């Protein structure tokens, strides 16, 4: 009696283990997934669940497996397929494979160069007099980002790692510097010309660099004005620039304090 009970117990454990770890044997070449599913169902009793037409874009399968675990065989069959599977009890659910899209924030961070915090002080050649209002521009194509120095000549801005900055001020030679992280800059600008406006055009309401000025401008020295009319400088200017016109006003007589209308 005890021997019979022991044999029955061993048999039940064997059947239970066989049902838990299903083994599959396949030898197929260029077989469709439907045929693979049918063969697996016959060997294991597992049923497949999927929507109609879901297997239309699947690829043929070539596989050789002998007494392999069901999950391992399924992974091999679904390798490279636009499908995925999930085993729920005795049912194998087939669904479209989800595309793993890159995180847009991560992609943006990957494409955006790392920034470093740059600070420094701009002075004249002696290093004693700070230069206020100096331009500090990042030399990056398509990047108009920049800053200006304050009254103490101090500036700070974020600069892409590896980029250079160009420091300029009227009357001084521009400098191009490649800053390093955690290294404050001490910039000394050297005077370029004796006349700080030699390369500038003064229009009366703004100062423009000659290279970027698109209008017409002339330069007349005092000696040239005296040669034309030493008594009236304004009338002398008319000889150099025909567009320079002085409106005649006889109502003021010979009052020397009246400025002419130009």
C-alpha atoms as a PDB file:
ATOM      1  CA  UNK A   1       0.000   0.000   0.000  1.00  0.00           C
ATOM      2  CA  UNK A   2       2.791   2.395   0.925  1.00  0.00           C
ATOM      3  CA  UNK A   3       4.732   1.402  -2.210  1.00  0.00           C
ATOM      4  CA  UNK A   4       1.709   2.145  -4.416  1.00  0.00           C
ATOM      5  CA  UNK A   5       1.238   5.578  -2.831  1.00  0.00           C
ATOM      6  CA  UNK A   6       4.915   6.382  -3.362  1.00  0.00           C
ATOM      7  CA  UNK A   7       4.754   5.406  -7.039  1.00  0.00           C
ATOM      8  CA  UNK A   8       1.614   7.578  -7.539  1.00  0.00           C
ATOM      9  CA  UNK A   9       3.315  10.550  -5.861  1.00  0.00           C
ATOM     10  CA  UNK A  10       6.434  10.268  -8.081  1.00  0.00           C
ATOM     11  CA  UNK A  11       4.226  10.000 -11.169  1.00  0.00           C
ATOM     12  CA  UNK A  12       2.260  13.146 -10.237  1.00  0.00           C
ATOM     13  CA  UNK A  13       5.451  15.093  -9.598  1.00  0.00           C
ATOM     14  CA  UNK A  14       6.832  14.021 -12.968  1.00  0.00           C
ATOM     15  CA  UNK A  15       3.643  15.073 -14.789  1.00  0.00           C
ATOM     16  CA  UNK A  16       3.601  18.398 -12.932  1.00  0.00           C
ATOM     17  CA  UNK A  17       7.221  19.105 -13.823  1.00  0.00           C
ATOM     18  CA  UNK A  18       6.616  18.201 -17.455  1.00  0.00           C
ATOM     19  CA  UNK A  19       3.676  20.596 -17.603  1.00  0.00           C
ATOM     20  CA  UNK A  20       5.676  23.458 -15.985  1.00  0.00           C
ATOM     21  CA  UNK A  21       8.775  23.226 -18.219  1.00  0.00           C
ATOM     22  CA  UNK A  22       7.458  22.466 -21.695  1.00  0.00           C
ATOM     23  CA  UNK A  23       9.940  21.060 -24.174  1.00  0.00           C
ATOM     24  CA  UNK A  24       9.649  21.587 -27.910  1.00  0.00           C
ATOM     25  CA  UNK A  25      11.299  19.850 -30.856  1.00  0.00           C
ATOM     26  CA  UNK A  26      11.278  21.626 -34.235  1.00  0.00           C
ATOM     27  CA  UNK A  27      13.075  21.208 -37.534  1.00  0.00           C
ATOM     28  CA  UNK A  28      11.731  23.776 -39.945  1.00  0.00           C
ATOM     29  CA  UNK A  29      13.191  25.721 -42.863  1.00  0.00           C
ATOM     30  CA  UNK A  30      11.548  28.915 -44.181  1.00  0.00           C
ATOM     31  CA  UNK A  31       8.336  28.019 -42.360  1.00  0.00           C
ATOM     32  CA  UNK A  32       5.590  30.534 -41.674  1.00  0.00           C
ATOM     33  CA  UNK A  33       4.779  31.553 -38.121  1.00  0.00           C
ATOM     34  CA  UNK A  34       1.324  29.997 -38.472  1.00  0.00           C
ATOM     35  CA  UNK A  35       2.917  26.643 -39.161  1.00  0.00           C
ATOM     36  CA  UNK A  36       5.313  27.072 -36.210  1.00  0.00           C
ATOM     37  CA  UNK A  37       2.395  27.973 -33.923  1.00  0.00           C
ATOM     38  CA  UNK A  38       0.441  24.908 -35.028  1.00  0.00           C
ATOM     39  CA  UNK A  39       3.381  22.613 -34.309  1.00  0.00           C
ATOM     40  CA  UNK A  40       3.993  24.148 -30.867  1.00  0.00           C
ATOM     41  CA  UNK A  41       0.295  23.824 -30.004  1.00  0.00           C
ATOM     42  CA  UNK A  42       0.311  20.142 -30.907  1.00  0.00           C
ATOM     43  CA  UNK A  43       3.367  19.468 -28.727  1.00  0.00           C
ATOM     44  CA  UNK A  44       2.549  21.623 -25.698  1.00  0.00           C
ATOM     45  CA  UNK A  45      -1.153  22.350 -25.706  1.00  0.00           C
ATOM     46  CA  UNK A  46      -0.455  26.090 -25.552  1.00  0.00           C
ATOM     47  CA  UNK A  47      -2.785  28.203 -27.681  1.00  0.00           C
ATOM     48  CA  UNK A  48      -1.841  31.395 -29.529  1.00  0.00           C
ATOM     49  CA  UNK A  49      -3.911  34.568 -29.352  1.00  0.00           C
ATOM     50  CA  UNK A  50      -3.497  37.396 -31.886  1.00  0.00           C
ATOM     51  CA  UNK A  51      -5.530  39.719 -34.102  1.00  0.00           C
ATOM     52  CA  UNK A  52      -6.322  38.763 -37.669  1.00  0.00           C
ATOM     53  CA  UNK A  53      -3.769  40.087 -40.134  1.00  0.00           C
ATOM     54  CA  UNK A  54      -1.122  40.611 -37.475  1.00  0.00           C
ATOM     55  CA  UNK A  55       1.129  37.952 -39.037  1.00  0.00           C
ATOM     56  CA  UNK A  56       0.950  39.409 -42.554  1.00  0.00           C
ATOM     57  CA  UNK A  57       4.285  41.230 -42.186  1.00  0.00           C
ATOM     58  CA  UNK A  58       6.054  38.411 -40.376  1.00  0.00           C
ATOM     59  CA  UNK A  59       9.127  36.691 -41.816  1.00  0.00           C
ATOM     60  CA  UNK A  60       9.634  32.972 -42.509  1.00  0.00           C
ATOM     61  CA  UNK A  61      11.422  31.065 -39.767  1.00  0.00           C
ATOM     62  CA  UNK A  62      14.209  28.490 -40.001  1.00  0.00           C
ATOM     63  CA  UNK A  63      14.864  26.688 -36.744  1.00  0.00           C
ATOM     64  CA  UNK A  64      16.294  23.428 -35.432  1.00  0.00           C
ATOM     65  CA  UNK A  65      15.491  22.651 -31.790  1.00  0.00           C
ATOM     66  CA  UNK A  66      15.468  19.376 -29.873  1.00  0.00           C
ATOM     67  CA  UNK A  67      13.843  19.225 -26.453  1.00  0.00           C
ATOM     68  CA  UNK A  68      14.332  22.967 -25.967  1.00  0.00           C
ATOM     69  CA  UNK A  69      12.358  25.105 -23.495  1.00  0.00           C
ATOM     70  CA  UNK A  70       9.266  26.690 -24.978  1.00  0.00           C
ATOM     71  CA  UNK A  71      10.341  30.222 -24.075  1.00  0.00           C
ATOM     72  CA  UNK A  72      13.740  29.723 -25.712  1.00  0.00           C
ATOM     73  CA  UNK A  73      12.148  28.391 -28.909  1.00  0.00           C
ATOM     74  CA  UNK A  74       9.723  31.320 -29.030  1.00  0.00           C
ATOM     75  CA  UNK A  75      12.537  33.839 -28.578  1.00  0.00           C
ATOM     76  CA  UNK A  76      14.350  32.270 -31.525  1.00  0.00           C
ATOM     77  CA  UNK A  77      11.216  32.321 -33.688  1.00  0.00           C
ATOM     78  CA  UNK A  78      10.481  35.973 -32.898  1.00  0.00           C
ATOM     79  CA  UNK A  79      14.062  37.174 -33.423  1.00  0.00           C
ATOM     80  CA  UNK A  80      13.963  39.946 -36.046  1.00  0.00           C
ATOM     81  CA  UNK A  81      10.169  39.842 -36.276  1.00  0.00           C
ATOM     82  CA  UNK A  82       7.981  42.978 -35.948  1.00  0.00           C
ATOM     83  CA  UNK A  83       6.159  41.100 -33.202  1.00  0.00           C
ATOM     84  CA  UNK A  84       6.539  40.232 -29.552  1.00  0.00           C
ATOM     85  CA  UNK A  85       4.999  37.547 -27.335  1.00  0.00           C
ATOM     86  CA  UNK A  86       3.869  37.160 -23.767  1.00  0.00           C
ATOM     87  CA  UNK A  87       2.974  33.869 -22.054  1.00  0.00           C
ATOM     88  CA  UNK A  88      -0.093  34.071 -19.831  1.00  0.00           C
ATOM     89  CA  UNK A  89      -0.912  30.710 -18.219  1.00  0.00           C
ATOM     90  CA  UNK A  90      -1.421  28.370 -21.200  1.00  0.00           C
ATOM     91  CA  UNK A  91      -1.943  31.194 -23.718  1.00  0.00           C
ATOM     92  CA  UNK A  92       0.737  32.870 -25.823  1.00  0.00           C
ATOM     93  CA  UNK A  93      -0.367  36.424 -26.640  1.00  0.00           C
ATOM     94  CA  UNK A  94       1.127  37.938 -29.827  1.00  0.00           C
ATOM     95  CA  UNK A  95       1.288  41.732 -30.223  1.00  0.00           C
ATOM     96  CA  UNK A  96       3.123  44.273 -32.420  1.00  0.00           C
ATOM     97  CA  UNK A  97       6.595  45.128 -31.212  1.00  0.00           C
ATOM     98  CA  UNK A  98       6.753  48.581 -29.683  1.00  0.00           C
ATOM     99  CA  UNK A  99       9.279  50.956 -31.195  1.00  0.00           C
ATOM    100  CA  UNK A 100      11.687  52.413 -28.670  1.00  0.00           C
ATOM    101  CA  UNK A 101      11.779  56.080 -29.559  1.00  0.00           C
ATOM    102  CA  UNK A 102      14.638  58.217 -28.255  1.00  0.00           C
ATOM    103  CA  UNK A 103      13.786  60.685 -25.537  1.00  0.00           C
ATOM    104  CA  UNK A 104      13.594  64.111 -27.251  1.00  0.00           C
ATOM    105  CA  UNK A 105      15.103  65.756 -24.193  1.00  0.00           C
ATOM    106  CA  UNK A 106      18.034  63.340 -24.223  1.00  0.00           C
ATOM    107  CA  UNK A 107      18.516  63.852 -27.968  1.00  0.00           C
ATOM    108  CA  UNK A 108      18.539  67.602 -27.469  1.00  0.00           C
ATOM    109  CA  UNK A 109      21.078  67.338 -24.696  1.00  0.00           C
ATOM    110  CA  UNK A 110      23.241  65.041 -26.829  1.00  0.00           C
ATOM    111  CA  UNK A 111      23.256  67.480 -29.755  1.00  0.00           C
ATOM    112  CA  UNK A 112      23.768  70.574 -27.660  1.00  0.00           C
ATOM    113  CA  UNK A 113      27.416  71.173 -26.742  1.00  0.00           C
ATOM    114  CA  UNK A 114      28.250  71.412 -23.055  1.00  0.00           C
ATOM    115  CA  UNK A 115      28.537  74.949 -21.714  1.00  0.00           C
ATOM    116  CA  UNK A 116      31.216  76.305 -19.417  1.00  0.00           C
ATOM    117  CA  UNK A 117      30.891  79.398 -17.234  1.00  0.00           C
ATOM    118  CA  UNK A 118      33.466  82.012 -18.221  1.00  0.00           C
ATOM    119  CA  UNK A 119      34.265  85.136 -16.238  1.00  0.00           C
ATOM    120  CA  UNK A 120      37.010  87.710 -16.604  1.00  0.00           C
ATOM    121  CA  UNK A 121      38.147  91.337 -16.395  1.00  0.00           C
ATOM    122  CA  UNK A 122      39.082  93.632 -19.280  1.00  0.00           C
ATOM    123  CA  UNK A 123      41.602  96.440 -18.776  1.00  0.00           C
ATOM    124  CA  UNK A 124      43.881  98.623 -20.852  1.00  0.00           C
ATOM    125  CA  UNK A 125      47.474  97.673 -21.633  1.00  0.00           C
ATOM    126  CA  UNK A 126      48.674  98.780 -18.199  1.00  0.00           C
ATOM    127  CA  UNK A 127      46.218  96.454 -16.455  1.00  0.00           C
ATOM    128  CA  UNK A 128      45.123  99.267 -14.138  1.00  0.00           C
ATOM    129  CA  UNK A 129      42.264 100.978 -15.978  1.00  0.00           C
ATOM    130  CA  UNK A 130      39.148  98.846 -16.512  1.00  0.00           C
ATOM    131  CA  UNK A 131      37.407  99.095 -19.885  1.00  0.00           C
ATOM    132  CA  UNK A 132      33.630  99.348 -19.538  1.00  0.00           C
ATOM    133  CA  UNK A 133      31.350  98.448 -22.434  1.00  0.00           C
ATOM    134  CA  UNK A 134      33.797  96.130 -24.212  1.00  0.00           C
ATOM    135  CA  UNK A 135      32.092  93.565 -26.442  1.00  0.00           C
ATOM    136  CA  UNK A 136      32.583  89.891 -25.605  1.00  0.00           C
ATOM    137  CA  UNK A 137      31.187  87.725 -28.425  1.00  0.00           C
ATOM    138  CA  UNK A 138      31.180  83.938 -28.790  1.00  0.00           C
ATOM    139  CA  UNK A 139      32.864  82.910 -32.032  1.00  0.00           C
ATOM    140  CA  UNK A 140      30.424  80.224 -33.145  1.00  0.00           C
ATOM    141  CA  UNK A 141      28.827  80.093 -36.585  1.00  0.00           C
ATOM    142  CA  UNK A 142      25.268  81.372 -36.388  1.00  0.00           C
ATOM    143  CA  UNK A 143      25.618  82.365 -32.733  1.00  0.00           C
ATOM    144  CA  UNK A 144      25.084  86.084 -31.958  1.00  0.00           C
ATOM    145  CA  UNK A 145      25.363  85.461 -28.222  1.00  0.00           C
ATOM    146  CA  UNK A 146      27.615  87.773 -26.263  1.00  0.00           C
ATOM    147  CA  UNK A 147      27.919  90.201 -23.391  1.00  0.00           C
ATOM    148  CA  UNK A 148      29.578  93.497 -22.446  1.00  0.00           C
ATOM    149  CA  UNK A 149      31.878  94.361 -19.584  1.00  0.00           C
ATOM    150  CA  UNK A 150      30.513  96.421 -16.691  1.00  0.00           C
ATOM    151  CA  UNK A 151      31.996  99.593 -15.201  1.00  0.00           C
ATOM    152  CA  UNK A 152      34.685  97.532 -13.496  1.00  0.00           C
ATOM    153  CA  UNK A 153      35.587  95.784 -16.764  1.00  0.00           C
ATOM    154  CA  UNK A 154      34.134  92.489 -15.496  1.00  0.00           C
ATOM    155  CA  UNK A 155      32.119  90.161 -17.770  1.00  0.00           C
ATOM    156  CA  UNK A 156      30.657  86.652 -17.543  1.00  0.00           C
ATOM    157  CA  UNK A 157      28.732  84.366 -19.891  1.00  0.00           C
ATOM    158  CA  UNK A 158      28.138  80.730 -20.836  1.00  0.00           C
ATOM    159  CA  UNK A 159      30.381  79.529 -23.664  1.00  0.00           C
ATOM    160  CA  UNK A 160      30.155  76.198 -25.559  1.00  0.00           C
ATOM    161  CA  UNK A 161      33.066  73.957 -24.595  1.00  0.00           C
ATOM    162  CA  UNK A 162      35.904  74.380 -27.106  1.00  0.00           C
ATOM    163  CA  UNK A 163      34.549  77.643 -28.569  1.00  0.00           C
ATOM    164  CA  UNK A 164      36.478  80.920 -28.674  1.00  0.00           C
ATOM    165  CA  UNK A 165      35.411  84.414 -27.630  1.00  0.00           C
ATOM    166  CA  UNK A 166      36.317  87.681 -29.347  1.00  0.00           C
ATOM    167  CA  UNK A 167      36.856  90.749 -27.148  1.00  0.00           C
ATOM    168  CA  UNK A 168      36.755  94.157 -28.845  1.00  0.00           C
ATOM    169  CA  UNK A 169      36.441  97.829 -28.039  1.00  0.00           C
ATOM    170  CA  UNK A 170      36.657 101.025 -30.074  1.00  0.00           C
ATOM    171  CA  UNK A 171      40.274 102.120 -30.501  1.00  0.00           C
ATOM    172  CA  UNK A 172      41.763  98.821 -29.300  1.00  0.00           C
ATOM    173  CA  UNK A 173      43.014  95.721 -31.081  1.00  0.00           C
ATOM    174  CA  UNK A 174      40.524  92.850 -30.799  1.00  0.00           C
ATOM    175  CA  UNK A 175      41.621  89.650 -29.083  1.00  0.00           C
ATOM    176  CA  UNK A 176      40.428  86.086 -29.716  1.00  0.00           C
ATOM    177  CA  UNK A 177      40.702  83.802 -26.691  1.00  0.00           C
ATOM    178  CA  UNK A 178      39.764  80.160 -26.094  1.00  0.00           C
ATOM    179  CA  UNK A 179      38.672  80.097 -22.435  1.00  0.00           C
ATOM    180  CA  UNK A 180      39.263  77.186 -20.087  1.00  0.00           C
ATOM    181  CA  UNK A 181      36.843  75.931 -17.471  1.00  0.00           C
ATOM    182  CA  UNK A 182      37.289  77.334 -13.940  1.00  0.00           C
ATOM    183  CA  UNK A 183      40.003  79.725 -15.147  1.00  0.00           C
ATOM    184  CA  UNK A 184      39.161  83.464 -14.856  1.00  0.00           C
ATOM    185  CA  UNK A 185      40.433  85.616 -17.721  1.00  0.00           C
ATOM    186  CA  UNK A 186      42.541  88.745 -17.304  1.00  0.00           C
ATOM    187  CA  UNK A 187      42.383  90.494 -20.683  1.00  0.00           C
ATOM    188  CA  UNK A 188      44.589  93.487 -21.511  1.00  0.00           C
ATOM    189  CA  UNK A 189      43.587  95.306 -24.689  1.00  0.00           C
ATOM    190  CA  UNK A 190      46.282  97.121 -26.642  1.00  0.00           C
ATOM    191  CA  UNK A 191      45.480 100.489 -28.224  1.00  0.00           C
ATOM    192  CA  UNK A 192      45.309 100.119 -31.994  1.00  0.00           C
ATOM    193  CA  UNK A 193      45.512 103.699 -33.283  1.00  0.00           C
ATOM    194  CA  UNK A 194      46.117 107.138 -31.837  1.00  0.00           C
ATOM    195  CA  UNK A 195      42.691 108.217 -33.030  1.00  0.00           C
ATOM    196  CA  UNK A 196      40.062 105.832 -31.570  1.00  0.00           C
ATOM    197  CA  UNK A 197      37.571 106.914 -34.249  1.00  0.00           C
ATOM    198  CA  UNK A 198      39.921 106.358 -37.175  1.00  0.00           C
ATOM    199  CA  UNK A 199      38.060 103.217 -38.217  1.00  0.00           C
ATOM    200  CA  UNK A 200      34.610 104.421 -37.210  1.00  0.00           C
ATOM    201  CA  UNK A 201      31.863 106.523 -38.812  1.00  0.00           C
ATOM    202  CA  UNK A 202      30.019 108.973 -36.561  1.00  0.00           C
ATOM    203  CA  UNK A 203      26.547 109.686 -37.953  1.00  0.00           C
ATOM    204  CA  UNK A 204      25.419 112.018 -35.193  1.00  0.00           C
ATOM    205  CA  UNK A 205      23.286 109.454 -33.376  1.00  0.00           C
ATOM    206  CA  UNK A 206      25.461 106.371 -33.493  1.00  0.00           C
ATOM    207  CA  UNK A 207      29.024 105.175 -34.074  1.00  0.00           C
ATOM    208  CA  UNK A 208      29.415 102.511 -36.782  1.00  0.00           C
ATOM    209  CA  UNK A 209      32.419 100.488 -37.847  1.00  0.00           C
ATOM    210  CA  UNK A 210      33.584 101.495 -41.327  1.00  0.00           C
ATOM    211  CA  UNK A 211      33.489  97.888 -42.520  1.00  0.00           C
ATOM    212  CA  UNK A 212      29.788  97.559 -41.723  1.00  0.00           C
ATOM    213  CA  UNK A 213      28.734 101.092 -42.783  1.00  0.00           C
ATOM    214  CA  UNK A 214      26.684 100.991 -46.011  1.00  0.00           C
ATOM    215  CA  UNK A 215      26.134 104.729 -46.569  1.00  0.00           C
ATOM    216  CA  UNK A 216      28.345 107.452 -48.047  1.00  0.00           C
ATOM    217  CA  UNK A 217      30.754 109.305 -45.786  1.00  0.00           C
ATOM    218  CA  UNK A 218      33.593 111.774 -46.365  1.00  0.00           C
ATOM    219  CA  UNK A 219      36.385 113.003 -44.120  1.00  0.00           C
ATOM    220  CA  UNK A 220      37.515 116.611 -44.353  1.00  0.00           C
ATOM    221  CA  UNK A 221      40.446 118.032 -42.400  1.00  0.00           C
ATOM    222  CA  UNK A 222      40.613 121.521 -40.930  1.00  0.00           C
ATOM    223  CA  UNK A 223      43.394 122.523 -43.322  1.00  0.00           C
ATOM    224  CA  UNK A 224      41.237 121.596 -46.304  1.00  0.00           C
ATOM    225  CA  UNK A 225      38.343 123.692 -44.968  1.00  0.00           C
ATOM    226  CA  UNK A 226      40.578 126.727 -44.468  1.00  0.00           C
ATOM    227  CA  UNK A 227      41.793 126.535 -48.062  1.00  0.00           C
ATOM    228  CA  UNK A 228      38.231 126.887 -49.375  1.00  0.00           C
ATOM    229  CA  UNK A 229      36.862 129.539 -47.017  1.00  0.00           C
ATOM    230  CA  UNK A 230      38.857 130.473 -43.917  1.00  0.00           C
ATOM    231  CA  UNK A 231      36.053 132.719 -42.630  1.00  0.00           C
ATOM    232  CA  UNK A 232      33.077 130.315 -42.736  1.00  0.00           C
ATOM    233  CA  UNK A 233      33.694 126.611 -42.101  1.00  0.00           C
ATOM    234  CA  UNK A 234      30.071 125.600 -42.733  1.00  0.00           C
ATOM    235  CA  UNK A 235      30.123 127.163 -46.188  1.00  0.00           C
ATOM    236  CA  UNK A 236      33.386 125.351 -46.877  1.00  0.00           C
ATOM    237  CA  UNK A 237      31.700 122.003 -46.252  1.00  0.00           C
ATOM    238  CA  UNK A 238      29.344 122.651 -49.172  1.00  0.00           C
ATOM    239  CA  UNK A 239      32.303 122.505 -51.532  1.00  0.00           C
ATOM    240  CA  UNK A 240      33.160 118.964 -50.416  1.00  0.00           C
ATOM    241  CA  UNK A 241      29.624 117.551 -50.106  1.00  0.00           C
ATOM    242  CA  UNK A 242      26.900 118.955 -52.416  1.00  0.00           C
ATOM    243  CA  UNK A 243      24.218 117.339 -50.221  1.00  0.00           C
ATOM    244  CA  UNK A 244      25.284 119.566 -47.325  1.00  0.00           C
ATOM    245  CA  UNK A 245      22.929 122.542 -47.581  1.00  0.00           C
ATOM    246  CA  UNK A 246      22.530 125.626 -45.394  1.00  0.00           C
ATOM    247  CA  UNK A 247      19.179 127.403 -45.476  1.00  0.00           C
ATOM    248  CA  UNK A 248      19.526 131.180 -45.877  1.00  0.00           C
ATOM    249  CA  UNK A 249      17.816 133.172 -43.109  1.00  0.00           C
ATOM    250  CA  UNK A 250      17.886 136.979 -43.540  1.00  0.00           C
ATOM    251  CA  UNK A 251      15.555 137.664 -40.633  1.00  0.00           C
ATOM    252  CA  UNK A 252      18.362 137.457 -38.069  1.00  0.00           C
ATOM    253  CA  UNK A 253      20.541 139.999 -39.817  1.00  0.00           C
ATOM    254  CA  UNK A 254      24.150 139.915 -38.714  1.00  0.00           C
ATOM    255  CA  UNK A 255      23.513 138.295 -35.326  1.00  0.00           C
ATOM    256  CA  UNK A 256      26.652 136.172 -34.713  1.00  0.00           C
ATOM    257  CA  UNK A 257      24.938 133.982 -32.109  1.00  0.00           C
ATOM    258  CA  UNK A 258      22.396 132.481 -34.509  1.00  0.00           C
ATOM    259  CA  UNK A 259      23.148 128.974 -35.764  1.00  0.00           C
ATOM    260  CA  UNK A 260      22.216 128.279 -39.364  1.00  0.00           C
ATOM    261  CA  UNK A 261      19.590 125.693 -40.324  1.00  0.00           C
ATOM    262  CA  UNK A 262      21.378 122.795 -41.981  1.00  0.00           C
END
